[in-house]
Amino acid sequence: MKPDIHPKYRPVLFVDASTGKEWVSRSTTSTPQKRTIDGVEHSVVTLEISSDSHPFFTGRQRLLDTEGRIDRFRRKWAKG
């Protein structure tokens, strides 16, 4: 591997803005906002949506079909 071509891998604190859940991971992302956890400085990355708040993962997913596309599809491909 070539030296000095890879981005720096650092500790990051991810925060879900809608639920407030926080988790520590590592990433190449860096932000000016920092927080110290257990003596280690972490960049704070705020996410608008994560698996903690996304409807698919929380089971609150709704299907919005204002133009009747799903009904047309079901009629077109109905068996019988």
N, C-alpha and C. Protein backbone atom coordinates (compact mmCIF):
# COMPACT_ATOMS: atom_id res chain seq x y z
N MET A 1 0.83 -1.19 0.00
CA MET A 1 0.00 0.00 0.00
C MET A 1 0.87 1.25 0.00
N LYS A 2 0.39 2.27 -0.63
CA LYS A 2 1.10 3.53 -0.63
C LYS A 2 0.93 4.22 0.72
N PRO A 3 1.99 4.79 1.25
CA PRO A 3 1.86 5.47 2.55
C PRO A 3 1.15 6.83 2.38
N ASP A 4 0.46 7.24 3.42
CA ASP A 4 -0.16 8.56 3.52
C ASP A 4 -1.24 8.86 2.48
N ILE A 5 -1.93 7.83 1.96
CA ILE A 5 -3.02 8.10 1.02
C ILE A 5 -4.39 7.81 1.64
N HIS A 6 -4.39 7.11 2.78
CA HIS A 6 -5.65 6.74 3.40
C HIS A 6 -6.07 7.80 4.41
N PRO A 7 -7.37 8.08 4.52
CA PRO A 7 -7.83 9.05 5.51
C PRO A 7 -7.63 8.52 6.93
N LYS A 8 -7.51 9.43 7.88
CA LYS A 8 -7.30 9.05 9.27
C LYS A 8 -8.58 8.42 9.84
N TYR A 9 -8.43 7.30 10.51
CA TYR A 9 -9.54 6.56 11.12
C TYR A 9 -9.59 6.96 12.58
N ARG A 10 -10.71 7.57 13.02
CA ARG A 10 -10.77 8.13 14.36
C ARG A 10 -12.08 7.74 15.05
N PRO A 11 -12.12 7.86 16.39
CA PRO A 11 -13.37 7.57 17.13
C PRO A 11 -14.41 8.66 16.86
N VAL A 12 -15.66 8.21 16.70
CA VAL A 12 -16.76 9.12 16.39
C VAL A 12 -17.96 8.76 17.26
N LEU A 13 -18.66 9.78 17.73
CA LEU A 13 -19.91 9.59 18.46
C LEU A 13 -21.04 9.95 17.51
N PHE A 14 -21.88 8.96 17.17
CA PHE A 14 -23.04 9.19 16.31
C PHE A 14 -24.25 9.46 17.19
N VAL A 15 -25.04 10.47 16.82
CA VAL A 15 -26.23 10.85 17.59
C VAL A 15 -27.41 10.91 16.64
N ASP A 16 -28.47 10.16 16.96
CA ASP A 16 -29.70 10.22 16.17
C ASP A 16 -30.50 11.42 16.65
N ALA A 17 -30.72 12.40 15.77
CA ALA A 17 -31.38 13.65 16.16
C ALA A 17 -32.83 13.45 16.58
N SER A 18 -33.52 12.45 16.01
CA SER A 18 -34.94 12.29 16.34
C SER A 18 -35.18 11.50 17.62
N THR A 19 -34.29 10.57 17.97
CA THR A 19 -34.51 9.79 19.19
C THR A 19 -33.52 10.14 20.29
N GLY A 20 -32.39 10.75 19.94
CA GLY A 20 -31.39 11.08 20.94
C GLY A 20 -30.44 9.95 21.27
N LYS A 21 -30.63 8.80 20.65
CA LYS A 21 -29.75 7.65 20.91
C LYS A 21 -28.34 7.98 20.43
N GLU A 22 -27.35 7.58 21.23
CA GLU A 22 -25.95 7.83 20.89
C GLU A 22 -25.18 6.51 20.90
N TRP A 23 -24.21 6.38 19.98
CA TRP A 23 -23.33 5.22 19.99
C TRP A 23 -21.97 5.62 19.46
N VAL A 24 -20.97 4.94 19.99
CA VAL A 24 -19.58 5.23 19.64
C VAL A 24 -19.13 4.21 18.61
N SER A 25 -18.45 4.71 17.61
CA SER A 25 -17.89 3.84 16.57
C SER A 25 -16.60 4.50 16.09
N ARG A 26 -16.08 4.02 14.98
CA ARG A 26 -14.92 4.63 14.37
C ARG A 26 -15.26 4.95 12.93
N SER A 27 -14.69 6.05 12.41
CA SER A 27 -15.01 6.48 11.06
C SER A 27 -13.90 7.41 10.57
N THR A 28 -13.92 7.67 9.27
CA THR A 28 -13.01 8.65 8.70
C THR A 28 -13.63 10.04 8.72
N THR A 29 -14.88 10.14 9.14
CA THR A 29 -15.58 11.43 9.21
C THR A 29 -15.07 12.24 10.39
N SER A 30 -14.94 13.53 10.17
CA SER A 30 -14.53 14.43 11.24
C SER A 30 -15.43 15.65 11.23
N THR A 31 -15.79 16.12 12.41
CA THR A 31 -16.61 17.33 12.52
C THR A 31 -15.94 18.28 13.52
N PRO A 32 -16.26 19.56 13.44
CA PRO A 32 -15.69 20.49 14.41
C PRO A 32 -16.23 20.29 15.82
N GLN A 33 -17.44 19.72 15.92
CA GLN A 33 -18.02 19.47 17.24
C GLN A 33 -17.37 18.24 17.85
N LYS A 34 -16.83 18.37 19.07
CA LYS A 34 -16.12 17.28 19.75
C LYS A 34 -16.74 17.02 21.11
N ARG A 35 -16.60 15.79 21.60
CA ARG A 35 -17.00 15.44 22.95
C ARG A 35 -15.99 14.44 23.48
N THR A 36 -15.60 14.60 24.73
CA THR A 36 -14.64 13.69 25.35
C THR A 36 -15.40 12.62 26.12
N ILE A 37 -15.10 11.37 25.81
CA ILE A 37 -15.72 10.22 26.48
C ILE A 37 -14.60 9.33 26.97
N ASP A 38 -14.56 9.09 28.28
CA ASP A 38 -13.53 8.27 28.91
C ASP A 38 -12.12 8.73 28.53
N GLY A 39 -11.93 10.04 28.47
CA GLY A 39 -10.62 10.59 28.19
C GLY A 39 -10.22 10.59 26.73
N VAL A 40 -11.12 10.16 25.83
CA VAL A 40 -10.83 10.12 24.40
C VAL A 40 -11.73 11.13 23.69
N GLU A 41 -11.15 11.97 22.85
CA GLU A 41 -11.92 12.97 22.13
C GLU A 41 -12.58 12.34 20.90
N HIS A 42 -13.89 12.50 20.79
CA HIS A 42 -14.67 11.96 19.68
C HIS A 42 -15.28 13.09 18.88
N SER A 43 -15.30 12.97 17.56
CA SER A 43 -16.09 13.87 16.72
C SER A 43 -17.55 13.48 16.89
N VAL A 44 -18.45 14.47 16.92
CA VAL A 44 -19.87 14.20 17.09
C VAL A 44 -20.55 14.36 15.73
N VAL A 45 -21.16 13.28 15.25
CA VAL A 45 -21.87 13.30 13.98
C VAL A 45 -23.36 13.13 14.28
N THR A 46 -24.15 14.13 13.91
CA THR A 46 -25.59 14.08 14.14
C THR A 46 -26.27 13.55 12.88
N LEU A 47 -27.08 12.51 13.06
CA LEU A 47 -27.80 11.89 11.95
C LEU A 47 -29.27 12.24 12.06
N GLU A 48 -29.88 12.57 10.93
CA GLU A 48 -31.32 12.86 10.95
C GLU A 48 -32.12 11.58 11.15
N ILE A 49 -31.61 10.49 10.63
CA ILE A 49 -32.33 9.22 10.73
C ILE A 49 -31.31 8.09 10.81
N SER A 50 -31.61 7.10 11.61
CA SER A 50 -30.74 5.93 11.75
C SER A 50 -31.64 4.71 11.90
N SER A 51 -31.04 3.57 12.14
CA SER A 51 -31.86 2.36 12.31
C SER A 51 -32.73 2.45 13.56
N ASP A 52 -32.39 3.33 14.48
CA ASP A 52 -33.19 3.51 15.69
C ASP A 52 -34.48 4.28 15.42
N SER A 53 -34.49 5.10 14.36
CA SER A 53 -35.68 5.91 14.09
C SER A 53 -36.29 5.67 12.71
N HIS A 54 -35.66 4.90 11.86
CA HIS A 54 -36.18 4.66 10.52
C HIS A 54 -37.42 3.77 10.58
N PRO A 55 -38.50 4.13 9.90
CA PRO A 55 -39.74 3.35 9.96
C PRO A 55 -39.57 1.88 9.56
N PHE A 56 -38.69 1.57 8.66
CA PHE A 56 -38.51 0.17 8.25
C PHE A 56 -38.02 -0.67 9.43
N PHE A 57 -37.10 -0.15 10.22
CA PHE A 57 -36.53 -0.90 11.34
C PHE A 57 -37.39 -0.83 12.58
N THR A 58 -38.21 0.21 12.74
CA THR A 58 -39.03 0.34 13.94
C THR A 58 -40.39 -0.35 13.79
N GLY A 59 -40.75 -0.75 12.57
CA GLY A 59 -42.03 -1.42 12.35
C GLY A 59 -43.18 -0.46 12.15
N ARG A 60 -42.92 0.83 12.02
CA ARG A 60 -43.97 1.82 11.82
C ARG A 60 -44.03 2.29 10.38
N GLN A 61 -43.61 1.43 9.47
CA GLN A 61 -43.57 1.82 8.07
C GLN A 61 -44.99 1.90 7.51
N ARG A 62 -45.25 2.97 6.77
CA ARG A 62 -46.54 3.16 6.13
C ARG A 62 -46.31 3.27 4.63
N LEU A 63 -47.24 2.78 3.88
CA LEU A 63 -47.14 2.84 2.44
C LEU A 63 -48.05 3.94 1.94
N LEU A 64 -47.48 4.97 1.35
CA LEU A 64 -48.26 6.08 0.83
C LEU A 64 -48.45 5.89 -0.66
N ASP A 65 -49.70 5.78 -1.08
CA ASP A 65 -50.00 5.57 -2.49
C ASP A 65 -51.18 6.47 -2.84
N THR A 66 -50.89 7.68 -3.22
CA THR A 66 -51.96 8.64 -3.49
C THR A 66 -52.51 8.51 -4.90
N GLU A 67 -51.79 7.86 -5.79
CA GLU A 67 -52.25 7.78 -7.17
C GLU A 67 -52.81 6.41 -7.55
N GLY A 68 -52.93 5.51 -6.59
CA GLY A 68 -53.52 4.21 -6.86
C GLY A 68 -52.62 3.26 -7.64
N ARG A 69 -51.33 3.46 -7.64
CA ARG A 69 -50.42 2.62 -8.40
C ARG A 69 -50.42 1.18 -7.90
N ILE A 70 -50.50 1.01 -6.61
CA ILE A 70 -50.48 -0.35 -6.06
C ILE A 70 -51.74 -1.10 -6.46
N ASP A 71 -52.89 -0.45 -6.37
CA ASP A 71 -54.14 -1.10 -6.75
C ASP A 71 -54.14 -1.47 -8.23
N ARG A 72 -53.64 -0.56 -9.08
CA ARG A 72 -53.55 -0.86 -10.52
C ARG A 72 -52.63 -2.05 -10.77
N PHE A 73 -51.52 -2.09 -10.07
CA PHE A 73 -50.58 -3.21 -10.22
C PHE A 73 -51.23 -4.53 -9.81
N ARG A 74 -51.92 -4.50 -8.68
CA ARG A 74 -52.57 -5.74 -8.19
C ARG A 74 -53.67 -6.19 -9.15
N ARG A 75 -54.46 -5.25 -9.71
CA ARG A 75 -55.49 -5.62 -10.68
C ARG A 75 -54.88 -6.20 -11.95
N LYS A 76 -53.81 -5.57 -12.41
CA LYS A 76 -53.17 -6.01 -13.64
C LYS A 76 -52.60 -7.41 -13.52
N TRP A 77 -51.97 -7.71 -12.39
CA TRP A 77 -51.30 -8.99 -12.23
C TRP A 77 -52.06 -9.98 -11.34
N ALA A 78 -53.34 -9.72 -11.08
CA ALA A 78 -54.14 -10.63 -10.27
C ALA A 78 -54.31 -11.96 -10.99
N LYS A 79 -54.22 -13.02 -10.26
CA LYS A 79 -54.42 -14.34 -10.83
C LYS A 79 -55.88 -14.75 -10.65
N GLY A 80 -56.39 -15.31 -11.68
CA GLY A 80 -57.71 -15.84 -11.51
C GLY A 80 -58.67 -15.31 -12.44
